């Protein structure tokens, strides 16, 4: 039982290929989605003009600057901000 748990941990922590994703993915590909849910009244796009981002906005900004390894950051603005109909990615 403990061996199965250890093997499961190893499988989830395997290295990700450095090659960029292709149009034809298979189930062996590993994708890392990072979802950034901002707080009430916070909007990364609106606050970009003054660089007055929340901590969540700063983490999203750092994530979009980091390229490679199939990492896909997605930002969701806080409640009470204008909705533009799309999630930033």
PDB file of N, CA and C in Angstrom:
ATOM      1  N   UNK A   1       0.826  -1.196   0.000  1.00  0.00           N
ATOM      2  CA  UNK A   1       0.000   0.000   0.000  1.00  0.00           C
ATOM      3  C   UNK A   1       0.870   1.259   0.000  1.00  0.00           C
ATOM      4  N   UNK A   2       1.888   1.294   0.871  1.00  0.00           N
ATOM      5  CA  UNK A   2       2.779   2.449   0.921  1.00  0.00           C
ATOM      6  C   UNK A   2       3.570   2.567  -0.375  1.00  0.00           C
ATOM      7  N   UNK A   3       3.926   1.416  -0.972  1.00  0.00           N
ATOM      8  CA  UNK A   3       4.651   1.443  -2.241  1.00  0.00           C
ATOM      9  C   UNK A   3       3.798   2.057  -3.347  1.00  0.00           C
ATOM     10  N   UNK A   4       2.515   1.750  -3.358  1.00  0.00           N
ATOM     11  CA  UNK A   4       1.615   2.322  -4.358  1.00  0.00           C
ATOM     12  C   UNK A   4       1.521   3.837  -4.200  1.00  0.00           C
ATOM     13  N   UNK A   5       1.457   4.302  -2.963  1.00  0.00           N
ATOM     14  CA  UNK A   5       1.389   5.744  -2.706  1.00  0.00           C
ATOM     15  C   UNK A   5       2.681   6.425  -3.144  1.00  0.00           C
ATOM     16  N   UNK A   6       3.817   5.785  -2.870  1.00  0.00           N
ATOM     17  CA  UNK A   6       5.105   6.350  -3.274  1.00  0.00           C
ATOM     18  C   UNK A   6       5.216   6.409  -4.793  1.00  0.00           C
ATOM     19  N   UNK A   7       4.777   5.368  -5.475  1.00  0.00           N
ATOM     20  CA  UNK A   7       4.809   5.362  -6.937  1.00  0.00           C
ATOM     21  C   UNK A   7       3.891   6.437  -7.517  1.00  0.00           C
ATOM     22  N   UNK A   8       2.752   6.646  -6.899  1.00  0.00           N
ATOM     23  CA  UNK A   8       1.832   7.685  -7.362  1.00  0.00           C
ATOM     24  C   UNK A   8       2.463   9.066  -7.212  1.00  0.00           C
ATOM     25  N   UNK A   9       3.177   9.295  -6.109  1.00  0.00           N
ATOM     26  CA  UNK A   9       3.854  10.581  -5.897  1.00  0.00           C
ATOM     27  C   UNK A   9       4.944  10.798  -6.936  1.00  0.00           C
ATOM     28  N   UNK A  10       5.712   9.765  -7.213  1.00  0.00           N
ATOM     29  CA  UNK A  10       6.777   9.871  -8.207  1.00  0.00           C
ATOM     30  C   UNK A  10       6.187  10.180  -9.578  1.00  0.00           C
ATOM     31  N   UNK A  11       5.090   9.530  -9.920  1.00  0.00           N
ATOM     32  CA  UNK A  11       4.464   9.737 -11.229  1.00  0.00           C
ATOM     33  C   UNK A  11       3.971  11.167 -11.396  1.00  0.00           C
ATOM     34  N   UNK A  12       3.462  11.774 -10.345  1.00  0.00           N
ATOM     35  CA  UNK A  12       2.946  13.140 -10.462  1.00  0.00           C
ATOM     36  C   UNK A  12       4.057  14.176 -10.486  1.00  0.00           C
ATOM     37  N   UNK A  13       5.255  13.805 -10.069  1.00  0.00           N
ATOM     38  CA  UNK A  13       6.366  14.748 -10.015  1.00  0.00           C
ATOM     39  C   UNK A  13       7.397  14.538 -11.113  1.00  0.00           C
ATOM     40  N   UNK A  14       7.036  13.824 -12.164  1.00  0.00           N
ATOM     41  CA  UNK A  14       8.010  13.565 -13.226  1.00  0.00           C
ATOM     42  C   UNK A  14       8.335  14.856 -13.965  1.00  0.00           C
ATOM     43  N   UNK A  15       9.480  14.856 -14.611  1.00  0.00           N
ATOM     44  CA  UNK A  15       9.916  16.029 -15.362  1.00  0.00           C
ATOM     45  C   UNK A  15       9.063  16.216 -16.602  1.00  0.00           C
ATOM     46  N   UNK A  16       8.929  17.461 -17.006  1.00  0.00           N
ATOM     47  CA  UNK A  16       8.151  17.812 -18.183  1.00  0.00           C
ATOM     48  C   UNK A  16       9.120  18.059 -19.330  1.00  0.00           C
ATOM     49  N   UNK A  17       8.763  17.619 -20.501  1.00  0.00           N
ATOM     50  CA  UNK A  17       9.597  17.791 -21.683  1.00  0.00           C
ATOM     51  C   UNK A  17       9.813  19.271 -21.987  1.00  0.00           C
ATOM     52  N   UNK A  18      11.000  19.598 -22.490  1.00  0.00           N
ATOM     53  CA  UNK A  18      11.315  20.978 -22.872  1.00  0.00           C
ATOM     54  C   UNK A  18      10.732  21.339 -24.236  1.00  0.00           C
ATOM     55  N   UNK A  19      10.273  20.351 -25.004  1.00  0.00           N
ATOM     56  CA  UNK A  19       9.754  20.634 -26.339  1.00  0.00           C
ATOM     57  C   UNK A  19       8.401  21.338 -26.243  1.00  0.00           C
ATOM     58  N   UNK A  20       8.157  22.278 -27.160  1.00  0.00           N
ATOM     59  CA  UNK A  20       6.877  22.996 -27.116  1.00  0.00           C
ATOM     60  C   UNK A  20       5.721  22.074 -27.479  1.00  0.00           C
ATOM     61  N   UNK A  21       4.519  22.385 -27.019  1.00  0.00           N
ATOM     62  CA  UNK A  21       3.370  21.551 -27.363  1.00  0.00           C
ATOM     63  C   UNK A  21       3.096  21.601 -28.866  1.00  0.00           C
ATOM     64  N   UNK A  22       2.612  20.514 -29.403  1.00  0.00           N
ATOM     65  CA  UNK A  22       2.278  20.463 -30.823  1.00  0.00           C
ATOM     66  C   UNK A  22       0.758  20.469 -30.982  1.00  0.00           C
ATOM     67  N   UNK A  23       0.315  20.502 -32.221  1.00  0.00           N
ATOM     68  CA  UNK A  23      -1.122  20.495 -32.478  1.00  0.00           C
ATOM     69  C   UNK A  23      -1.767  19.179 -32.080  1.00  0.00           C
ATOM     70  N   UNK A  24      -0.993  18.116 -32.100  1.00  0.00           N
ATOM     71  CA  UNK A  24      -1.533  16.790 -31.812  1.00  0.00           C
ATOM     72  C   UNK A  24      -0.974  16.295 -30.486  1.00  0.00           C
ATOM     73  N   UNK A  25      -1.716  16.493 -29.423  1.00  0.00           N
ATOM     74  CA  UNK A  25      -1.306  16.069 -28.089  1.00  0.00           C
ATOM     75  C   UNK A  25      -1.856  14.681 -27.813  1.00  0.00           C
ATOM     76  N   UNK A  26      -1.185  13.949 -26.975  1.00  0.00           N
ATOM     77  CA  UNK A  26      -1.742  12.672 -26.538  1.00  0.00           C
ATOM     78  C   UNK A  26      -1.837  12.679 -25.017  1.00  0.00           C
ATOM     79  N   UNK A  27      -2.360  11.629 -24.466  1.00  0.00           N
ATOM     80  CA  UNK A  27      -2.637  11.610 -23.030  1.00  0.00           C
ATOM     81  C   UNK A  27      -1.375  11.540 -22.184  1.00  0.00           C
ATOM     82  N   UNK A  28      -0.218  11.373 -22.796  1.00  0.00           N
ATOM     83  CA  UNK A  28       1.024  11.345 -22.025  1.00  0.00           C
ATOM     84  C   UNK A  28       1.572  12.737 -21.759  1.00  0.00           C
ATOM     85  N   UNK A  29       1.051  13.751 -22.440  1.00  0.00           N
ATOM     86  CA  UNK A  29       1.533  15.113 -22.243  1.00  0.00           C
ATOM     87  C   UNK A  29       1.076  15.650 -20.894  1.00  0.00           C
ATOM     88  N   UNK A  30       1.943  16.445 -20.281  1.00  0.00           N
ATOM     89  CA  UNK A  30       1.643  17.038 -18.978  1.00  0.00           C
ATOM     90  C   UNK A  30       1.439  18.536 -19.175  1.00  0.00           C
ATOM     91  N   UNK A  31       0.308  19.028 -18.745  1.00  0.00           N
ATOM     92  CA  UNK A  31       0.018  20.455 -18.797  1.00  0.00           C
ATOM     93  C   UNK A  31      -0.117  20.974 -17.375  1.00  0.00           C
ATOM     94  N   UNK A  32       0.381  22.169 -17.163  1.00  0.00           N
ATOM     95  CA  UNK A  32       0.261  22.802 -15.852  1.00  0.00           C
ATOM     96  C   UNK A  32      -0.587  24.057 -16.016  1.00  0.00           C
ATOM     97  N   UNK A  33      -1.786  24.026 -15.466  1.00  0.00           N
ATOM     98  CA  UNK A  33      -2.671  25.181 -15.486  1.00  0.00           C
ATOM     99  C   UNK A  33      -2.581  25.881 -14.142  1.00  0.00           C
ATOM    100  N   UNK A  34      -2.330  27.170 -14.184  1.00  0.00           N
ATOM    101  CA  UNK A  34      -2.310  27.974 -12.963  1.00  0.00           C
ATOM    102  C   UNK A  34      -3.481  28.938 -13.038  1.00  0.00           C
ATOM    103  N   UNK A  35      -4.410  28.812 -12.114  1.00  0.00           N
ATOM    104  CA  UNK A  35      -5.584  29.681 -12.078  1.00  0.00           C
ATOM    105  C   UNK A  35      -5.384  30.736 -11.002  1.00  0.00           C
ATOM    106  N   UNK A  36      -5.497  31.996 -11.391  1.00  0.00           N
ATOM    107  CA  UNK A  36      -5.298  33.111 -10.472  1.00  0.00           C
ATOM    108  C   UNK A  36      -6.631  33.827 -10.289  1.00  0.00           C
ATOM    109  N   UNK A  37      -7.281  33.600  -9.163  1.00  0.00           N
ATOM    110  CA  UNK A  37      -8.556  34.241  -8.835  1.00  0.00           C
ATOM    111  C   UNK A  37      -8.267  35.462  -7.971  1.00  0.00           C
ATOM    112  N   UNK A  38      -8.513  36.654  -8.518  1.00  0.00           N
ATOM    113  CA  UNK A  38      -8.224  37.874  -7.775  1.00  0.00           C
ATOM    114  C   UNK A  38      -9.375  38.222  -6.840  1.00  0.00           C
ATOM    115  N   UNK A  39      -9.103  39.105  -5.902  1.00  0.00           N
ATOM    116  CA  UNK A  39     -10.080  39.467  -4.878  1.00  0.00           C
ATOM    117  C   UNK A  39     -11.043  40.551  -5.337  1.00  0.00           C
ATOM    118  N   UNK A  40     -11.965  40.887  -4.475  1.00  0.00           N
ATOM    119  CA  UNK A  40     -13.016  41.867  -4.762  1.00  0.00           C
ATOM    120  C   UNK A  40     -12.421  43.202  -5.200  1.00  0.00           C
ATOM    121  N   UNK A  41     -12.869  43.681  -6.359  1.00  0.00           N
ATOM    122  CA  UNK A  41     -12.437  44.981  -6.863  1.00  0.00           C
ATOM    123  C   UNK A  41     -11.092  44.988  -7.563  1.00  0.00           C
ATOM    124  N   UNK A  42     -10.414  43.868  -7.648  1.00  0.00           N
ATOM    125  CA  UNK A  42      -9.092  43.822  -8.276  1.00  0.00           C
ATOM    126  C   UNK A  42      -9.202  43.317  -9.709  1.00  0.00           C
ATOM    127  N   UNK A  43      -8.497  44.001 -10.619  1.00  0.00           N
ATOM    128  CA  UNK A  43      -8.504  43.638 -12.027  1.00  0.00           C
ATOM    129  C   UNK A  43      -7.114  43.890 -12.587  1.00  0.00           C
ATOM    130  N   UNK A  44      -6.417  42.843 -13.000  1.00  0.00           N
ATOM    131  CA  UNK A  44      -5.033  42.935 -13.458  1.00  0.00           C
ATOM    132  C   UNK A  44      -4.894  43.871 -14.651  1.00  0.00           C
ATOM    133  N   UNK A  45      -5.784  43.767 -15.637  1.00  0.00           N
ATOM    134  CA  UNK A  45      -5.682  44.618 -16.827  1.00  0.00           C
ATOM    135  C   UNK A  45      -5.906  46.089 -16.481  1.00  0.00           C
ATOM    136  N   UNK A  46      -6.914  46.372 -15.675  1.00  0.00           N
ATOM    137  CA  UNK A  46      -7.225  47.755 -15.307  1.00  0.00           C
ATOM    138  C   UNK A  46      -6.094  48.362 -14.472  1.00  0.00           C
ATOM    139  N   UNK A  47      -5.526  47.568 -13.576  1.00  0.00           N
ATOM    140  CA  UNK A  47      -4.492  48.073 -12.679  1.00  0.00           C
ATOM    141  C   UNK A  47      -3.104  48.098 -13.318  1.00  0.00           C
ATOM    142  N   UNK A  48      -2.963  47.594 -14.563  1.00  0.00           N
ATOM    143  CA  UNK A  48      -1.657  47.570 -15.230  1.00  0.00           C
ATOM    144  C   UNK A  48      -1.130  48.970 -15.518  1.00  0.00           C
ATOM    145  N   UNK A  49      -2.022  49.918 -15.771  1.00  0.00           N
ATOM    146  CA  UNK A  49      -1.595  51.284 -16.096  1.00  0.00           C
ATOM    147  C   UNK A  49      -0.801  51.907 -14.957  1.00  0.00           C
ATOM    148  N   UNK A  50      -1.147  51.584 -13.729  1.00  0.00           N
ATOM    149  CA  UNK A  50      -0.465  52.167 -12.567  1.00  0.00           C
ATOM    150  C   UNK A  50       0.423  51.166 -11.834  1.00  0.00           C
ATOM    151  N   UNK A  51       0.510  49.939 -12.339  1.00  0.00           N
ATOM    152  CA  UNK A  51       1.276  48.864 -11.677  1.00  0.00           C
ATOM    153  C   UNK A  51       0.868  48.697 -10.219  1.00  0.00           C
ATOM    154  N   UNK A  52      -0.409  48.860  -9.938  1.00  0.00           N
ATOM    155  CA  UNK A  52      -0.904  48.705  -8.563  1.00  0.00           C
ATOM    156  C   UNK A  52      -1.646  47.381  -8.417  1.00  0.00           C
ATOM    157  N   UNK A  53      -0.975  46.302  -8.826  1.00  0.00           N
ATOM    158  CA  UNK A  53      -1.591  44.979  -8.786  1.00  0.00           C
ATOM    159  C   UNK A  53      -1.682  44.444  -7.368  1.00  0.00           C
ATOM    160  N   UNK A  54      -2.644  43.570  -7.171  1.00  0.00           N
ATOM    161  CA  UNK A  54      -2.718  42.811  -5.918  1.00  0.00           C
ATOM    162  C   UNK A  54      -1.626  41.739  -5.964  1.00  0.00           C
ATOM    163  N   UNK A  55      -1.440  41.025  -4.856  1.00  0.00           N
ATOM    164  CA  UNK A  55      -0.457  39.939  -4.848  1.00  0.00           C
ATOM    165  C   UNK A  55      -0.804  38.873  -5.881  1.00  0.00           C
ATOM    166  N   UNK A  56      -2.098  38.600  -6.058  1.00  0.00           N
ATOM    167  CA  UNK A  56      -2.521  37.630  -7.076  1.00  0.00           C
ATOM    168  C   UNK A  56      -2.152  38.144  -8.465  1.00  0.00           C
ATOM    169  N   UNK A  57      -2.364  39.432  -8.717  1.00  0.00           N
ATOM    170  CA  UNK A  57      -1.993  40.027  -9.994  1.00  0.00           C
ATOM    171  C   UNK A  57      -0.497  39.965 -10.238  1.00  0.00           C
ATOM    172  N   UNK A  58       0.292  40.175  -9.198  1.00  0.00           N
ATOM    173  CA  UNK A  58       1.752  40.090  -9.327  1.00  0.00           C
ATOM    174  C   UNK A  58       2.194  38.663  -9.650  1.00  0.00           C
ATOM    175  N   UNK A  59       1.553  37.681  -9.007  1.00  0.00           N
ATOM    176  CA  UNK A  59       1.891  36.281  -9.303  1.00  0.00           C
ATOM    177  C   UNK A  59       1.521  35.931 -10.742  1.00  0.00           C
ATOM    178  N   UNK A  60       0.367  36.418 -11.218  1.00  0.00           N
ATOM    179  CA  UNK A  60      -0.026  36.172 -12.607  1.00  0.00           C
ATOM    180  C   UNK A  60       0.966  36.821 -13.560  1.00  0.00           C
ATOM    181  N   UNK A  61       1.372  38.064 -13.280  1.00  0.00           N
ATOM    182  CA  UNK A  61       2.328  38.763 -14.131  1.00  0.00           C
ATOM    183  C   UNK A  61       3.645  37.993 -14.206  1.00  0.00           C
ATOM    184  N   UNK A  62       4.107  37.472 -13.074  1.00  0.00           N
ATOM    185  CA  UNK A  62       5.337  36.671 -13.070  1.00  0.00           C
ATOM    186  C   UNK A  62       5.147  35.383 -13.866  1.00  0.00           C
ATOM    187  N   UNK A  63       3.971  34.789 -13.772  1.00  0.00           N
ATOM    188  CA  UNK A  63       3.709  33.524 -14.468  1.00  0.00           C
ATOM    189  C   UNK A  63       3.676  33.713 -15.981  1.00  0.00           C
ATOM    190  N   UNK A  64       3.119  34.827 -16.466  1.00  0.00           N
ATOM    191  CA  UNK A  64       3.064  35.015 -17.919  1.00  0.00           C
ATOM    192  C   UNK A  64       4.433  35.368 -18.486  1.00  0.00           C
ATOM    193  N   UNK A  65       5.328  35.861 -17.656  1.00  0.00           N
ATOM    194  CA  UNK A  65       6.690  36.155 -18.110  1.00  0.00           C
ATOM    195  C   UNK A  65       7.551  34.893 -18.162  1.00  0.00           C
ATOM    196  N   UNK A  66       7.171  33.866 -17.417  1.00  0.00           N
ATOM    197  CA  UNK A  66       7.902  32.591 -17.386  1.00  0.00           C
ATOM    198  C   UNK A  66       7.421  31.726 -18.546  1.00  0.00           C
ATOM    199  N   UNK A  67       8.291  31.454 -19.482  1.00  0.00           N
ATOM    200  CA  UNK A  67       7.908  30.690 -20.673  1.00  0.00           C
ATOM    201  C   UNK A  67       8.424  29.257 -20.566  1.00  0.00           C
ATOM    202  N   UNK A  68       7.715  28.348 -21.194  1.00  0.00           N
ATOM    203  CA  UNK A  68       8.180  26.975 -21.329  1.00  0.00           C
ATOM    204  C   UNK A  68       7.521  26.002 -20.387  1.00  0.00           C
ATOM    205  N   UNK A  69       7.862  24.747 -20.575  1.00  0.00           N
ATOM    206  CA  UNK A  69       7.406  23.622 -19.754  1.00  0.00           C
ATOM    207  C   UNK A  69       5.899  23.494 -19.666  1.00  0.00           C
ATOM    208  N   UNK A  70       5.197  23.854 -20.710  1.00  0.00           N
ATOM    209  CA  UNK A  70       3.742  23.649 -20.786  1.00  0.00           C
ATOM    210  C   UNK A  70       2.994  24.256 -19.604  1.00  0.00           C
ATOM    211  N   UNK A  71       3.376  25.466 -19.212  1.00  0.00           N
ATOM    212  CA  UNK A  71       2.716  26.166 -18.113  1.00  0.00           C
ATOM    213  C   UNK A  71       1.758  27.194 -18.713  1.00  0.00           C
ATOM    214  N   UNK A  72       0.496  27.134 -18.297  1.00  0.00           N
ATOM    215  CA  UNK A  72      -0.532  28.012 -18.832  1.00  0.00           C
ATOM    216  C   UNK A  72      -1.234  28.755 -17.696  1.00  0.00           C
ATOM    217  N   UNK A  73      -0.840  30.035 -17.446  1.00  0.00           N
ATOM    218  CA  UNK A  73      -1.522  30.812 -16.405  1.00  0.00           C
ATOM    219  C   UNK A  73      -2.837  31.399 -16.924  1.00  0.00           C
ATOM    220  N   UNK A  74      -3.853  31.396 -16.089  1.00  0.00           N
ATOM    221  CA  UNK A  74      -5.165  31.951 -16.428  1.00  0.00           C
ATOM    222  C   UNK A  74      -5.582  32.873 -15.286  1.00  0.00           C
ATOM    223  N   UNK A  75      -5.957  34.106 -15.628  1.00  0.00           N
ATOM    224  CA  UNK A  75      -6.329  35.101 -14.625  1.00  0.00           C
ATOM    225  C   UNK A  75      -7.825  35.352 -14.663  1.00  0.00           C
ATOM    226  N   UNK A  76      -8.449  35.385 -13.498  1.00  0.00           N
ATOM    227  CA  UNK A  76      -9.871  35.704 -13.369  1.00  0.00           C
ATOM    228  C   UNK A  76      -9.974  36.924 -12.457  1.00  0.00           C
ATOM    229  N   UNK A  77     -10.526  38.021 -12.996  1.00  0.00           N
ATOM    230  CA  UNK A  77     -10.627  39.273 -12.237  1.00  0.00           C
ATOM    231  C   UNK A  77     -11.553  39.111 -11.043  1.00  0.00           C
ATOM    232  N   UNK A  78     -11.379  39.996 -10.075  1.00  0.00           N
ATOM    233  CA  UNK A  78     -12.167  39.938  -8.854  1.00  0.00           C
ATOM    234  C   UNK A  78     -13.618  40.337  -9.046  1.00  0.00           C
ATOM    235  N   UNK A  79     -14.438  39.967  -8.086  1.00  0.00           N
ATOM    236  CA  UNK A  79     -15.856  40.320  -8.084  1.00  0.00           C
ATOM    237  C   UNK A  79     -15.971  41.842  -8.013  1.00  0.00           C
ATOM    238  N   UNK A  80     -16.938  42.397  -8.724  1.00  0.00           N
ATOM    239  CA  UNK A  80     -17.164  43.832  -8.678  1.00  0.00           C
ATOM    240  C   UNK A  80     -16.369  44.607  -9.707  1.00  0.00           C
ATOM    241  N   UNK A  81     -15.658  43.928 -10.600  1.00  0.00           N
ATOM    242  CA  UNK A  81     -14.929  44.611 -11.663  1.00  0.00           C
ATOM    243  C   UNK A  81     -15.640  44.357 -12.984  1.00  0.00           C
ATOM    244  N   UNK A  82     -15.471  45.252 -13.957  1.00  0.00           N
ATOM    245  CA  UNK A  82     -16.128  45.045 -15.256  1.00  0.00           C
ATOM    246  C   UNK A  82     -15.672  43.738 -15.897  1.00  0.00           C
ATOM    247  N   UNK A  83     -16.615  42.984 -16.429  1.00  0.00           N
ATOM    248  CA  UNK A  83     -16.308  41.707 -17.074  1.00  0.00           C
ATOM    249  C   UNK A  83     -16.146  41.940 -18.566  1.00  0.00           C
ATOM    250  N   UNK A  84     -14.995  41.532 -19.119  1.00  0.00           N
ATOM    251  CA  UNK A  84     -14.748  41.740 -20.546  1.00  0.00           C
ATOM    252  C   UNK A  84     -15.092  40.518 -21.388  1.00  0.00           C
ATOM    253  N   UNK A  85     -15.629  39.471 -20.796  1.00  0.00           N
ATOM    254  CA  UNK A  85     -16.067  38.309 -21.554  1.00  0.00           C
ATOM    255  C   UNK A  85     -15.011  37.270 -21.818  1.00  0.00           C
ATOM    256  N   UNK A  86     -13.808  37.428 -21.258  1.00  0.00           N
ATOM    257  CA  UNK A  86     -12.767  36.432 -21.484  1.00  0.00           C
ATOM    258  C   UNK A  86     -11.856  36.366 -20.266  1.00  0.00           C
ATOM    259  N   UNK A  87     -11.204  35.234 -20.134  1.00  0.00           N
ATOM    260  CA  UNK A  87     -10.190  35.074 -19.094  1.00  0.00           C
ATOM    261  C   UNK A  87      -8.848  35.418 -19.717  1.00  0.00           C
ATOM    262  N   UNK A  88      -8.015  36.151 -19.030  1.00  0.00           N
ATOM    263  CA  UNK A  88      -6.693  36.493 -19.541  1.00  0.00           C
ATOM    264  C   UNK A  88      -5.813  35.261 -19.490  1.00  0.00           C
ATOM    265  N   UNK A  89      -5.020  35.081 -20.533  1.00  0.00           N
ATOM    266  CA  UNK A  89      -4.079  33.956 -20.538  1.00  0.00           C
ATOM    267  C   UNK A  89      -2.833  34.326 -21.293  1.00  0.00           C
TER     268      UNK A  89
END
